[in-house]
Amino acid sequence: MPLLTVHHVTTYRYKQPVAFGDHRGMFRPRDSYDQRLLDAQLKITPEPLSLHWMHDVFGNCVVVVRFAGRASELRFESTMRLDHSPSNALDFPIAEHAQRYPFSYDQQDMPDLLRSIERQYPDRNNELSRWARQFSQGGQGVPTFELLSSMARTIKRDFTYVARTEMGIQEPLETLKLSSGSCRDFALLMIEAVRSLGFAARFVSGYLYVPSRGQTRNGGGSTHAWVQVYVPGAGWMEFDPTNGILGSRDLIRVAVARDPRQAVPLHGSWIGFPSDSLGMTVEVTVTDESDTAPSAESDAGGTRRSHPEPARGPYVAAETVPHCRPI
């Protein structure tokens, strides 16, 4: 049972002191049977006027921070220590009636799963549906786990990971057309694809541990994103299409949501001239206490990213951190 420490620092810098609106952050991992939070600390500079915690509609832990006065730098530093007991996707017993696709969800589960089955993005000419159906073998009784794992591994194999700095998320059709995207784009692609086949799926935001034993993985150095699919008997099974990970090994779950826009790790506003922004940096490291050498998440040889905020006109509130940005 590895003991992992996550150190996450987000810093915004400005040419001159600016005012800050409320900020909402998702830093605290979700306690579960496969991960147990042991300690968590959050340091914010400048000192906030007030801070309170709440649970959102999905049960995610959210911190709401209010500021007074002005500053030329805003810094969030989160340090967490947790017991990570990763699950192997093959160890989950799937209910007999759901072992092969297609299957039907239990009637009592459907009211709670419906919104996670509904597709959220347009699929002109059923392009995404046709792509997804290749994994179902025409609905002739393909093993359910094989269908889902094959889709995740195909995205890893056939799509190109891109460290994209633009705000927001690519729509699934755009990711399919480009055959490239970021971790959040690949997660959304798989979510909408399995939904087109009738599965309930949701978006997961968290962190990726990259072991020091020479493994190469994409999506480190910042927040990471992957997918949960509900399978009767097994429950919410995790798939990381960016790295082809099946199960929760090396994945630290912070937030789950129906749509990526509901699981933004940190967002808020600042007030000043657009030219005041000097950009932001994000640093994430995840270390295993049993490792002799620290394991820093990295997808391109480092953990620091720097990107300017978009201009929105004079004296407007500019959105800060979109999900899984920068990666």
C-alpha atoms as a PDB file:
ATOM      1  CA  MET A   1       0.000   0.000   0.000  1.00  0.00           C
ATOM      2  CA  PRO A   2       2.069   2.962  -1.225  1.00  0.00           C
ATOM      3  CA  LEU A   3       2.040   6.171   0.772  1.00  0.00           C
ATOM      4  CA  LEU A   4       1.936   9.011  -1.741  1.00  0.00           C
ATOM      5  CA  THR A   5       2.481  12.731  -1.245  1.00  0.00           C
ATOM      6  CA  VAL A   6       1.021  15.215  -3.727  1.00  0.00           C
ATOM      7  CA  HIS A   7       2.441  18.726  -3.883  1.00  0.00           C
ATOM      8  CA  HIS A   8       0.448  21.071  -6.138  1.00  0.00           C
ATOM      9  CA  VAL A   9       1.306  24.765  -6.546  1.00  0.00           C
ATOM     10  CA  THR A  10      -0.539  27.202  -8.809  1.00  0.00           C
ATOM     11  CA  THR A  11       0.811  30.752  -9.018  1.00  0.00           C
ATOM     12  CA  TYR A  12      -0.583  33.780 -10.881  1.00  0.00           C
ATOM     13  CA  ARG A  13       1.529  36.903 -11.353  1.00  0.00           C
ATOM     14  CA  TYR A  14       0.537  40.433 -12.379  1.00  0.00           C
ATOM     15  CA  LYS A  15       2.354  43.616 -13.393  1.00  0.00           C
ATOM     16  CA  GLN A  16       0.645  45.553 -10.643  1.00  0.00           C
ATOM     17  CA  PRO A  17      -1.644  44.721  -7.730  1.00  0.00           C
ATOM     18  CA  VAL A  18      -5.080  43.536  -8.861  1.00  0.00           C
ATOM     19  CA  ALA A  19      -8.248  42.614  -6.992  1.00  0.00           C
ATOM     20  CA  PHE A  20      -9.521  39.039  -6.769  1.00  0.00           C
ATOM     21  CA  GLY A  21     -13.023  37.654  -6.886  1.00  0.00           C
ATOM     22  CA  ASP A  22     -14.089  34.434  -5.185  1.00  0.00           C
ATOM     23  CA  HIS A  23     -12.127  31.302  -6.093  1.00  0.00           C
ATOM     24  CA  ARG A  24     -13.255  27.676  -5.912  1.00  0.00           C
ATOM     25  CA  GLY A  25     -10.780  24.815  -5.781  1.00  0.00           C
ATOM     26  CA  MET A  26     -10.840  21.033  -5.836  1.00  0.00           C
ATOM     27  CA  PHE A  27      -7.641  19.810  -4.196  1.00  0.00           C
ATOM     28  CA  ARG A  28      -8.736  17.262  -1.609  1.00  0.00           C
ATOM     29  CA  PRO A  29      -8.766  13.604  -2.813  1.00  0.00           C
ATOM     30  CA  ARG A  30     -11.945  11.599  -2.366  1.00  0.00           C
ATOM     31  CA  ASP A  31     -11.698   9.041   0.431  1.00  0.00           C
ATOM     32  CA  SER A  32     -12.506   5.522  -0.709  1.00  0.00           C
ATOM     33  CA  TYR A  33     -11.510   1.888  -0.230  1.00  0.00           C
ATOM     34  CA  ASP A  34      -8.566   2.339  -2.618  1.00  0.00           C
ATOM     35  CA  GLN A  35      -7.304   5.698  -1.363  1.00  0.00           C
ATOM     36  CA  ARG A  36      -7.381   7.127   2.152  1.00  0.00           C
ATOM     37  CA  LEU A  37      -6.429  10.716   2.895  1.00  0.00           C
ATOM     38  CA  LEU A  38      -4.012  10.918   5.827  1.00  0.00           C
ATOM     39  CA  ASP A  39      -3.195  14.610   5.887  1.00  0.00           C
ATOM     40  CA  ALA A  40      -3.976  17.718   3.838  1.00  0.00           C
ATOM     41  CA  GLN A  41      -2.670  21.278   4.024  1.00  0.00           C
ATOM     42  CA  LEU A  42      -3.623  24.289   1.929  1.00  0.00           C
ATOM     43  CA  LYS A  43      -1.630  27.536   1.982  1.00  0.00           C
ATOM     44  CA  ILE A  44      -2.943  30.588   0.125  1.00  0.00           C
ATOM     45  CA  THR A  45      -1.097  33.854  -0.479  1.00  0.00           C
ATOM     46  CA  PRO A  46      -2.277  36.576   0.036  1.00  0.00           C
ATOM     47  CA  GLU A  47      -4.140  35.531   3.138  1.00  0.00           C
ATOM     48  CA  PRO A  48      -7.832  35.196   2.249  1.00  0.00           C
ATOM     49  CA  LEU A  49     -10.591  37.133   3.947  1.00  0.00           C
ATOM     50  CA  SER A  50     -12.534  33.905   4.435  1.00  0.00           C
ATOM     51  CA  LEU A  51     -12.348  30.238   3.507  1.00  0.00           C
ATOM     52  CA  HIS A  52     -14.923  27.499   3.806  1.00  0.00           C
ATOM     53  CA  TRP A  53     -15.361  23.938   2.587  1.00  0.00           C
ATOM     54  CA  MET A  54     -18.421  22.379   1.011  1.00  0.00           C
ATOM     55  CA  HIS A  55     -19.535  19.311  -0.931  1.00  0.00           C
ATOM     56  CA  ASP A  56     -20.887  19.853  -4.421  1.00  0.00           C
ATOM     57  CA  VAL A  57     -23.745  17.928  -6.011  1.00  0.00           C
ATOM     58  CA  PHE A  58     -21.410  14.997  -6.787  1.00  0.00           C
ATOM     59  CA  GLY A  59     -19.967  14.838  -3.280  1.00  0.00           C
ATOM     60  CA  ASN A  60     -16.657  16.419  -4.273  1.00  0.00           C
ATOM     61  CA  CYS A  61     -14.912  18.483  -1.616  1.00  0.00           C
ATOM     62  CA  VAL A  62     -14.701  22.126  -2.730  1.00  0.00           C
ATOM     63  CA  VAL A  63     -12.945  25.023  -1.027  1.00  0.00           C
ATOM     64  CA  VAL A  64     -14.434  28.495  -1.535  1.00  0.00           C
ATOM     65  CA  VAL A  65     -12.023  31.370  -0.945  1.00  0.00           C
ATOM     66  CA  ARG A  66     -12.828  35.098  -0.663  1.00  0.00           C
ATOM     67  CA  PHE A  67     -10.226  37.854  -0.803  1.00  0.00           C
ATOM     68  CA  ALA A  68      -9.958  41.498   0.235  1.00  0.00           C
ATOM     69  CA  GLY A  69      -7.465  44.050  -1.028  1.00  0.00           C
ATOM     70  CA  ARG A  70      -5.060  43.723  -3.946  1.00  0.00           C
ATOM     71  CA  ALA A  71      -1.868  41.808  -4.707  1.00  0.00           C
ATOM     72  CA  SER A  72       0.525  41.245  -7.587  1.00  0.00           C
ATOM     73  CA  GLU A  73       0.741  37.498  -6.949  1.00  0.00           C
ATOM     74  CA  LEU A  74      -1.843  34.846  -6.066  1.00  0.00           C
ATOM     75  CA  ARG A  75      -0.549  31.455  -4.913  1.00  0.00           C
ATOM     76  CA  PHE A  76      -2.316  28.226  -3.951  1.00  0.00           C
ATOM     77  CA  GLU A  77      -0.117  25.524  -2.427  1.00  0.00           C
ATOM     78  CA  SER A  78      -1.717  22.194  -1.599  1.00  0.00           C
ATOM     79  CA  THR A  79       0.117  19.297   0.056  1.00  0.00           C
ATOM     80  CA  MET A  80      -1.614  15.974   0.623  1.00  0.00           C
ATOM     81  CA  ARG A  81      -0.500  12.619   1.956  1.00  0.00           C
ATOM     82  CA  LEU A  82      -2.564   9.536   1.255  1.00  0.00           C
ATOM     83  CA  ASP A  83      -2.576   5.761   1.451  1.00  0.00           C
ATOM     84  CA  HIS A  84      -3.063   4.554  -2.123  1.00  0.00           C
ATOM     85  CA  SER A  85      -4.226   0.945  -2.551  1.00  0.00           C
ATOM     86  CA  PRO A  86      -4.747   0.663  -6.307  1.00  0.00           C
ATOM     87  CA  SER A  87      -7.355  -1.657  -7.719  1.00  0.00           C
ATOM     88  CA  ASN A  88      -6.846  -4.010 -10.639  1.00  0.00           C
ATOM     89  CA  ALA A  89      -9.706  -3.737 -13.102  1.00  0.00           C
ATOM     90  CA  LEU A  90      -9.538  -7.503 -13.683  1.00  0.00           C
ATOM     91  CA  ASP A  91     -10.317  -8.144 -10.007  1.00  0.00           C
ATOM     92  CA  PHE A  92     -13.807  -6.622 -10.216  1.00  0.00           C
ATOM     93  CA  PRO A  93     -16.550  -9.224 -10.601  1.00  0.00           C
ATOM     94  CA  ILE A  94     -19.016  -8.113 -13.270  1.00  0.00           C
ATOM     95  CA  ALA A  95     -22.618  -9.214 -12.751  1.00  0.00           C
ATOM     96  CA  GLU A  96     -23.473 -12.244 -14.854  1.00  0.00           C
ATOM     97  CA  HIS A  97     -26.070 -10.434 -16.957  1.00  0.00           C
ATOM     98  CA  ALA A  98     -23.590  -7.628 -17.762  1.00  0.00           C
ATOM     99  CA  GLN A  99     -20.533  -9.712 -18.610  1.00  0.00           C
ATOM    100  CA  ARG A 100     -21.282  -9.372 -22.314  1.00  0.00           C
ATOM    101  CA  TYR A 101     -22.489  -6.324 -24.238  1.00  0.00           C
ATOM    102  CA  PRO A 102     -25.248  -5.361 -24.819  1.00  0.00           C
ATOM    103  CA  PHE A 103     -26.902  -5.553 -21.412  1.00  0.00           C
ATOM    104  CA  SER A 104     -29.479  -3.549 -19.461  1.00  0.00           C
ATOM    105  CA  TYR A 105     -28.948  -1.638 -16.223  1.00  0.00           C
ATOM    106  CA  ASP A 106     -31.112  -2.616 -13.275  1.00  0.00           C
ATOM    107  CA  GLN A 107     -34.380  -0.734 -13.145  1.00  0.00           C
ATOM    108  CA  GLN A 108     -33.670   0.706  -9.693  1.00  0.00           C
ATOM    109  CA  ASP A 109     -30.335   2.132 -10.881  1.00  0.00           C
ATOM    110  CA  MET A 110     -31.624   3.836 -14.011  1.00  0.00           C
ATOM    111  CA  PRO A 111     -33.012   7.034 -12.372  1.00  0.00           C
ATOM    112  CA  ASP A 112     -29.559   7.753 -10.932  1.00  0.00           C
ATOM    113  CA  LEU A 113     -27.630   6.765 -14.061  1.00  0.00           C
ATOM    114  CA  LEU A 114     -29.728   8.483 -16.713  1.00  0.00           C
ATOM    115  CA  ARG A 115     -27.880  11.821 -16.717  1.00  0.00           C
ATOM    116  CA  SER A 116     -24.578   9.957 -17.009  1.00  0.00           C
ATOM    117  CA  ILE A 117     -25.915   8.048 -20.022  1.00  0.00           C
ATOM    118  CA  GLU A 118     -27.229  11.142 -21.804  1.00  0.00           C
ATOM    119  CA  ARG A 119     -24.873  12.481 -24.425  1.00  0.00           C
ATOM    120  CA  GLN A 120     -23.779  16.068 -23.832  1.00  0.00           C
ATOM    121  CA  TYR A 121     -22.160  17.000 -27.160  1.00  0.00           C
ATOM    122  CA  PRO A 122     -23.380  17.010 -30.793  1.00  0.00           C
ATOM    123  CA  ASP A 123     -22.600  14.054 -33.038  1.00  0.00           C
ATOM    124  CA  ARG A 124     -23.295  15.234 -36.546  1.00  0.00           C
ATOM    125  CA  ASN A 125     -23.956  12.354 -38.935  1.00  0.00           C
ATOM    126  CA  ASN A 126     -23.340   9.883 -36.091  1.00  0.00           C
ATOM    127  CA  GLU A 127     -19.579   9.968 -36.705  1.00  0.00           C
ATOM    128  CA  LEU A 128     -18.680   9.262 -33.081  1.00  0.00           C
ATOM    129  CA  SER A 129     -21.368   6.578 -32.807  1.00  0.00           C
ATOM    130  CA  ARG A 130     -19.952   4.761 -35.821  1.00  0.00           C
ATOM    131  CA  TRP A 131     -16.445   4.963 -34.364  1.00  0.00           C
ATOM    132  CA  ALA A 132     -17.692   3.549 -31.040  1.00  0.00           C
ATOM    133  CA  ARG A 133     -19.626   0.693 -32.664  1.00  0.00           C
ATOM    134  CA  GLN A 134     -16.435  -0.863 -33.995  1.00  0.00           C
ATOM    135  CA  PHE A 135     -15.697  -1.982 -30.432  1.00  0.00           C
ATOM    136  CA  SER A 136     -19.104  -3.621 -29.977  1.00  0.00           C
ATOM    137  CA  GLN A 137     -18.635  -6.018 -32.911  1.00  0.00           C
ATOM    138  CA  GLY A 138     -22.123  -5.227 -34.108  1.00  0.00           C
ATOM    139  CA  GLY A 139     -23.658  -5.974 -30.716  1.00  0.00           C
ATOM    140  CA  GLN A 140     -23.037  -9.725 -31.018  1.00  0.00           C
ATOM    141  CA  GLY A 141     -22.183 -10.365 -27.397  1.00  0.00           C
ATOM    142  CA  VAL A 142     -18.669  -8.964 -27.002  1.00  0.00           C
ATOM    143  CA  PRO A 143     -17.263  -9.206 -23.445  1.00  0.00           C
ATOM    144  CA  THR A 144     -18.027  -5.923 -21.692  1.00  0.00           C
ATOM    145  CA  PHE A 145     -14.596  -5.428 -20.154  1.00  0.00           C
ATOM    146  CA  GLU A 146     -12.934  -6.247 -23.470  1.00  0.00           C
ATOM    147  CA  LEU A 147     -15.018  -3.581 -25.215  1.00  0.00           C
ATOM    148  CA  LEU A 148     -14.130  -0.873 -22.701  1.00  0.00           C
ATOM    149  CA  SER A 149     -10.451  -1.751 -22.343  1.00  0.00           C
ATOM    150  CA  SER A 150     -10.048  -2.018 -26.114  1.00  0.00           C
ATOM    151  CA  MET A 151     -11.479   1.481 -26.580  1.00  0.00           C
ATOM    152  CA  ALA A 152      -9.152   2.978 -23.943  1.00  0.00           C
ATOM    153  CA  ARG A 153      -6.094   1.270 -25.423  1.00  0.00           C
ATOM    154  CA  THR A 154      -7.044   2.246 -28.966  1.00  0.00           C
ATOM    155  CA  ILE A 155      -7.168   5.914 -27.991  1.00  0.00           C
ATOM    156  CA  LYS A 156      -3.723   5.598 -26.412  1.00  0.00           C
ATOM    157  CA  ARG A 157      -2.342   3.804 -29.480  1.00  0.00           C
ATOM    158  CA  ASP A 158      -3.950   5.731 -32.338  1.00  0.00           C
ATOM    159  CA  PHE A 159      -4.273   9.262 -30.949  1.00  0.00           C
ATOM    160  CA  THR A 160      -1.452  11.735 -30.356  1.00  0.00           C
ATOM    161  CA  TYR A 161      -1.148  13.354 -26.957  1.00  0.00           C
ATOM    162  CA  VAL A 162      -0.710  17.124 -27.240  1.00  0.00           C
ATOM    163  CA  ALA A 163       0.251  19.497 -24.441  1.00  0.00           C
ATOM    164  CA  ARG A 164      -2.469  21.964 -25.377  1.00  0.00           C
ATOM    165  CA  THR A 165      -2.569  25.343 -23.613  1.00  0.00           C
ATOM    166  CA  GLU A 166      -5.830  26.705 -25.006  1.00  0.00           C
ATOM    167  CA  MET A 167      -8.704  27.208 -22.598  1.00  0.00           C
ATOM    168  CA  GLY A 168     -11.590  24.787 -22.504  1.00  0.00           C
ATOM    169  CA  ILE A 169     -12.045  21.338 -23.957  1.00  0.00           C
ATOM    170  CA  GLN A 170     -12.170  20.044 -27.515  1.00  0.00           C
ATOM    171  CA  GLU A 171     -15.524  18.639 -28.495  1.00  0.00           C
ATOM    172  CA  PRO A 172     -15.324  14.888 -29.117  1.00  0.00           C
ATOM    173  CA  LEU A 173     -15.822  15.225 -32.882  1.00  0.00           C
ATOM    174  CA  GLU A 174     -12.855  17.592 -33.061  1.00  0.00           C
ATOM    175  CA  THR A 175     -10.671  15.155 -31.142  1.00  0.00           C
ATOM    176  CA  LEU A 176     -11.826  12.344 -33.427  1.00  0.00           C
ATOM    177  CA  LYS A 177     -11.073  14.428 -36.518  1.00  0.00           C
ATOM    178  CA  LEU A 178      -7.619  15.540 -35.339  1.00  0.00           C
ATOM    179  CA  SER A 179      -6.703  12.207 -33.724  1.00  0.00           C
ATOM    180  CA  SER A 180      -4.980  14.285 -31.056  1.00  0.00           C
ATOM    181  CA  GLY A 181      -5.743  16.054 -27.820  1.00  0.00           C
ATOM    182  CA  SER A 182      -4.981  16.446 -24.140  1.00  0.00           C
ATOM    183  CA  CYS A 183      -5.909  14.138 -21.283  1.00  0.00           C
ATOM    184  CA  ARG A 184      -9.222  15.906 -20.771  1.00  0.00           C
ATOM    185  CA  ASP A 185     -10.006  15.665 -24.502  1.00  0.00           C
ATOM    186  CA  PHE A 186      -9.325  11.928 -24.562  1.00  0.00           C
ATOM    187  CA  ALA A 187     -11.427  11.413 -21.434  1.00  0.00           C
ATOM    188  CA  LEU A 188     -14.354  13.302 -22.937  1.00  0.00           C
ATOM    189  CA  LEU A 189     -14.024  11.398 -26.217  1.00  0.00           C
ATOM    190  CA  MET A 190     -14.267   8.051 -24.451  1.00  0.00           C
ATOM    191  CA  ILE A 191     -17.113   9.227 -22.227  1.00  0.00           C
ATOM    192  CA  GLU A 192     -19.254  10.313 -25.161  1.00  0.00           C
ATOM    193  CA  ALA A 193     -18.306   7.208 -27.153  1.00  0.00           C
ATOM    194  CA  VAL A 194     -19.398   4.754 -24.471  1.00  0.00           C
ATOM    195  CA  ARG A 195     -22.519   6.810 -23.823  1.00  0.00           C
ATOM    196  CA  SER A 196     -23.435   6.344 -27.486  1.00  0.00           C
ATOM    197  CA  LEU A 197     -23.408   2.593 -26.727  1.00  0.00           C
ATOM    198  CA  GLY A 198     -25.684   3.054 -23.708  1.00  0.00           C
ATOM    199  CA  PHE A 199     -23.115   3.027 -20.909  1.00  0.00           C
ATOM    200  CA  ALA A 200     -23.202   5.411 -17.953  1.00  0.00           C
ATOM    201  CA  ALA A 201     -19.900   7.291 -17.773  1.00  0.00           C
ATOM    202  CA  ARG A 202     -18.442  10.243 -15.912  1.00  0.00           C
ATOM    203  CA  PHE A 203     -15.369  12.453 -15.899  1.00  0.00           C
ATOM    204  CA  VAL A 204     -12.638  12.127 -13.266  1.00  0.00           C
ATOM    205  CA  SER A 205     -10.128  14.818 -12.317  1.00  0.00           C
ATOM    206  CA  GLY A 206      -7.107  14.112 -10.186  1.00  0.00           C
ATOM    207  CA  TYR A 207      -3.398  13.376 -10.295  1.00  0.00           C
ATOM    208  CA  LEU A 208      -1.173  10.841 -12.023  1.00  0.00           C
ATOM    209  CA  TYR A 209       1.704   9.162 -10.221  1.00  0.00           C
ATOM    210  CA  VAL A 210       4.620   8.443 -12.560  1.00  0.00           C
ATOM    211  CA  PRO A 211       6.861   5.815 -10.916  1.00  0.00           C
ATOM    212  CA  SER A 212      10.592   6.375 -10.990  1.00  0.00           C
ATOM    213  CA  ARG A 213      11.114   2.924 -12.471  1.00  0.00           C
ATOM    214  CA  GLY A 214      11.438   4.259 -15.999  1.00  0.00           C
ATOM    215  CA  GLN A 215       7.806   4.357 -17.112  1.00  0.00           C
ATOM    216  CA  THR A 216       6.807   7.042 -19.597  1.00  0.00           C
ATOM    217  CA  ARG A 217       3.346   8.501 -19.194  1.00  0.00           C
ATOM    218  CA  ASN A 218       1.473  11.463 -20.574  1.00  0.00           C
ATOM    219  CA  GLY A 219      -0.506  13.956 -18.516  1.00  0.00           C
ATOM    220  CA  GLY A 220       1.892  14.435 -15.629  1.00  0.00           C
ATOM    221  CA  GLY A 221       3.093  17.727 -14.237  1.00  0.00           C
ATOM    222  CA  SER A 222      -0.431  19.044 -13.748  1.00  0.00           C
ATOM    223  CA  THR A 223      -3.882  17.762 -12.978  1.00  0.00           C
ATOM    224  CA  HIS A 224      -4.907  14.675 -14.922  1.00  0.00           C
ATOM    225  CA  ALA A 225      -8.225  13.394 -16.310  1.00  0.00           C
ATOM    226  CA  TRP A 226      -9.683   9.970 -16.997  1.00  0.00           C
ATOM    227  CA  VAL A 227     -12.995   8.074 -17.169  1.00  0.00           C
ATOM    228  CA  GLN A 228     -15.309   6.038 -14.975  1.00  0.00           C
ATOM    229  CA  VAL A 229     -17.839   3.663 -16.558  1.00  0.00           C
ATOM    230  CA  TYR A 230     -20.598   2.041 -14.506  1.00  0.00           C
ATOM    231  CA  VAL A 231     -20.755  -1.744 -14.925  1.00  0.00           C
ATOM    232  CA  PRO A 232     -23.205  -3.783 -12.820  1.00  0.00           C
ATOM    233  CA  GLY A 233     -21.415  -5.847 -10.205  1.00  0.00           C
ATOM    234  CA  ALA A 234     -18.127  -4.006 -10.647  1.00  0.00           C
ATOM    235  CA  GLY A 235     -19.502  -0.504 -10.075  1.00  0.00           C
ATOM    236  CA  TRP A 236     -17.643   2.529 -11.392  1.00  0.00           C
ATOM    237  CA  MET A 237     -14.649   1.106 -13.279  1.00  0.00           C
ATOM    238  CA  GLU A 238     -11.755   3.429 -14.143  1.00  0.00           C
ATOM    239  CA  PHE A 239     -10.075   3.768 -17.531  1.00  0.00           C
ATOM    240  CA  ASP A 240      -7.316   6.201 -18.475  1.00  0.00           C
ATOM    241  CA  PRO A 241      -7.369   6.468 -22.285  1.00  0.00           C
ATOM    242  CA  THR A 242      -4.339   8.781 -22.279  1.00  0.00           C
ATOM    243  CA  ASN A 243      -2.069   6.068 -20.874  1.00  0.00           C
ATOM    244  CA  GLY A 244      -4.089   2.893 -21.336  1.00  0.00           C
ATOM    245  CA  ILE A 245      -4.397   2.369 -17.573  1.00  0.00           C
ATOM    246  CA  LEU A 246      -7.169  -0.020 -16.514  1.00  0.00           C
ATOM    247  CA  GLY A 247      -8.200   0.333 -12.877  1.00  0.00           C
ATOM    248  CA  SER A 248      -6.986   2.916 -10.379  1.00  0.00           C
ATOM    249  CA  ARG A 249      -3.262   2.099 -10.284  1.00  0.00           C
ATOM    250  CA  ASP A 250      -1.267   5.345 -10.079  1.00  0.00           C
ATOM    251  CA  LEU A 251      -4.449   7.430 -10.419  1.00  0.00           C
ATOM    252  CA  ILE A 252      -5.352   9.723  -7.504  1.00  0.00           C
ATOM    253  CA  ARG A 253      -9.023  10.632  -7.676  1.00  0.00           C
ATOM    254  CA  VAL A 254     -10.006  14.154  -6.597  1.00  0.00           C
ATOM    255  CA  ALA A 255     -13.335  14.890  -8.287  1.00  0.00           C
ATOM    256  CA  VAL A 256     -15.955  13.123 -10.394  1.00  0.00           C
ATOM    257  CA  ALA A 257     -18.591  14.838 -12.514  1.00  0.00           C
ATOM    258  CA  ARG A 258     -21.021  14.269 -15.357  1.00  0.00           C
ATOM    259  CA  ASP A 259     -19.220  16.878 -17.484  1.00  0.00           C
ATOM    260  CA  PRO A 260     -15.632  18.238 -17.382  1.00  0.00           C
ATOM    261  CA  ARG A 261     -16.938  21.754 -16.812  1.00  0.00           C
ATOM    262  CA  GLN A 262     -18.197  20.594 -13.412  1.00  0.00           C
ATOM    263  CA  ALA A 263     -14.775  19.393 -12.260  1.00  0.00           C
ATOM    264  CA  VAL A 264     -12.498  22.399 -12.732  1.00  0.00           C
ATOM    265  CA  PRO A 265      -9.585  22.077 -10.260  1.00  0.00           C
ATOM    266  CA  LEU A 266      -9.309  25.829  -9.644  1.00  0.00           C
ATOM    267  CA  HIS A 267     -11.293  28.716 -11.030  1.00  0.00           C
ATOM    268  CA  GLY A 268     -12.123  32.263 -10.055  1.00  0.00           C
ATOM    269  CA  SER A 269     -11.674  35.822 -11.253  1.00  0.00           C
ATOM    270  CA  TRP A 270      -9.424  38.841 -11.009  1.00  0.00           C
ATOM    271  CA  ILE A 271     -10.131  42.487 -11.752  1.00  0.00           C
ATOM    272  CA  GLY A 272      -7.689  44.705 -13.608  1.00  0.00           C
ATOM    273  CA  PHE A 273      -6.427  45.492 -17.090  1.00  0.00           C
ATOM    274  CA  PRO A 274      -5.924  42.430 -19.335  1.00  0.00           C
ATOM    275  CA  SER A 275      -2.308  43.522 -19.837  1.00  0.00           C
ATOM    276  CA  ASP A 276      -1.710  43.186 -16.086  1.00  0.00           C
ATOM    277  CA  SER A 277      -1.503  39.407 -16.319  1.00  0.00           C
ATOM    278  CA  LEU A 278       1.987  37.931 -16.466  1.00  0.00           C
ATOM    279  CA  GLY A 279       0.635  34.409 -16.738  1.00  0.00           C
ATOM    280  CA  MET A 280       0.574  31.439 -14.432  1.00  0.00           C
ATOM    281  CA  THR A 281       2.690  28.461 -13.466  1.00  0.00           C
ATOM    282  CA  VAL A 282       1.532  25.067 -12.264  1.00  0.00           C
ATOM    283  CA  GLU A 283       3.806  22.597 -10.509  1.00  0.00           C
ATOM    284  CA  VAL A 284       2.707  19.112  -9.494  1.00  0.00           C
ATOM    285  CA  THR A 285       4.877  16.401  -7.999  1.00  0.00           C
ATOM    286  CA  VAL A 286       3.721  13.052  -6.669  1.00  0.00           C
ATOM    287  CA  THR A 287       6.196  11.064  -4.571  1.00  0.00           C
ATOM    288  CA  ASP A 288       6.110   7.575  -3.109  1.00  0.00           C
ATOM    289  CA  GLU A 289       7.631   7.364   0.354  1.00  0.00           C
ATOM    290  CA  SER A 290       9.117   3.981  -0.515  1.00  0.00           C
ATOM    291  CA  ASP A 291      11.045   5.420  -3.469  1.00  0.00           C
ATOM    292  CA  THR A 292      14.641   6.392  -2.857  1.00  0.00           C
ATOM    293  CA  ALA A 293      14.348   9.077  -5.536  1.00  0.00           C
ATOM    294  CA  PRO A 294      11.378  11.475  -5.781  1.00  0.00           C
ATOM    295  CA  SER A 295       9.070  10.851  -8.696  1.00  0.00           C
ATOM    296  CA  ALA A 296       8.051  14.093 -10.347  1.00  0.00           C
ATOM    297  CA  GLU A 297       5.179  13.943 -12.777  1.00  0.00           C
ATOM    298  CA  SER A 298       6.426  14.945 -16.173  1.00  0.00           C
ATOM    299  CA  ASP A 299       5.155  14.624 -19.710  1.00  0.00           C
ATOM    300  CA  ALA A 300       7.855  16.613 -21.464  1.00  0.00           C
ATOM    301  CA  GLY A 301      10.829  16.675 -19.167  1.00  0.00           C
ATOM    302  CA  GLY A 302       9.594  19.019 -16.458  1.00  0.00           C
ATOM    303  CA  THR A 303       6.863  19.961 -14.037  1.00  0.00           C
ATOM    304  CA  ARG A 304       6.534  23.678 -14.595  1.00  0.00           C
ATOM    305  CA  ARG A 305       4.178  25.201 -17.128  1.00  0.00           C
ATOM    306  CA  SER A 306       3.589  28.869 -17.868  1.00  0.00           C
ATOM    307  CA  HIS A 307       0.775  30.342 -19.924  1.00  0.00           C
ATOM    308  CA  PRO A 308      -0.710  33.813 -20.294  1.00  0.00           C
ATOM    309  CA  GLU A 309      -4.310  34.433 -19.387  1.00  0.00           C
ATOM    310  CA  PRO A 310      -6.618  35.499 -22.220  1.00  0.00           C
ATOM    311  CA  ALA A 311      -7.511  39.156 -22.647  1.00  0.00           C
ATOM    312  CA  ARG A 312     -11.150  40.052 -22.119  1.00  0.00           C
ATOM    313  CA  GLY A 313     -11.163  43.849 -22.289  1.00  0.00           C
ATOM    314  CA  PRO A 314     -10.308  46.486 -19.678  1.00  0.00           C
ATOM    315  CA  TYR A 315     -11.401  46.011 -16.085  1.00  0.00           C
ATOM    316  CA  VAL A 316     -13.083  42.681 -16.606  1.00  0.00           C
ATOM    317  CA  ALA A 317     -12.893  39.527 -14.564  1.00  0.00           C
ATOM    318  CA  ALA A 318     -10.748  37.002 -16.391  1.00  0.00           C
ATOM    319  CA  GLU A 319     -11.272  33.279 -15.833  1.00  0.00           C
ATOM    320  CA  THR A 320      -8.290  31.656 -14.188  1.00  0.00           C
ATOM    321  CA  VAL A 321      -7.598  27.918 -14.426  1.00  0.00           C
ATOM    322  CA  PRO A 322      -9.594  25.776 -16.866  1.00  0.00           C
ATOM    323  CA  HIS A 323      -9.670  22.065 -16.216  1.00  0.00           C
ATOM    324  CA  CYS A 324      -6.504  20.027 -16.633  1.00  0.00           C
ATOM    325  CA  ARG A 325      -4.661  23.115 -17.833  1.00  0.00           C
ATOM    326  CA  PRO A 326      -1.822  23.357 -18.448  1.00  0.00           C
ATOM    327  CA  ILE A 327      -0.825  19.899 -19.664  1.00  0.00           C
END
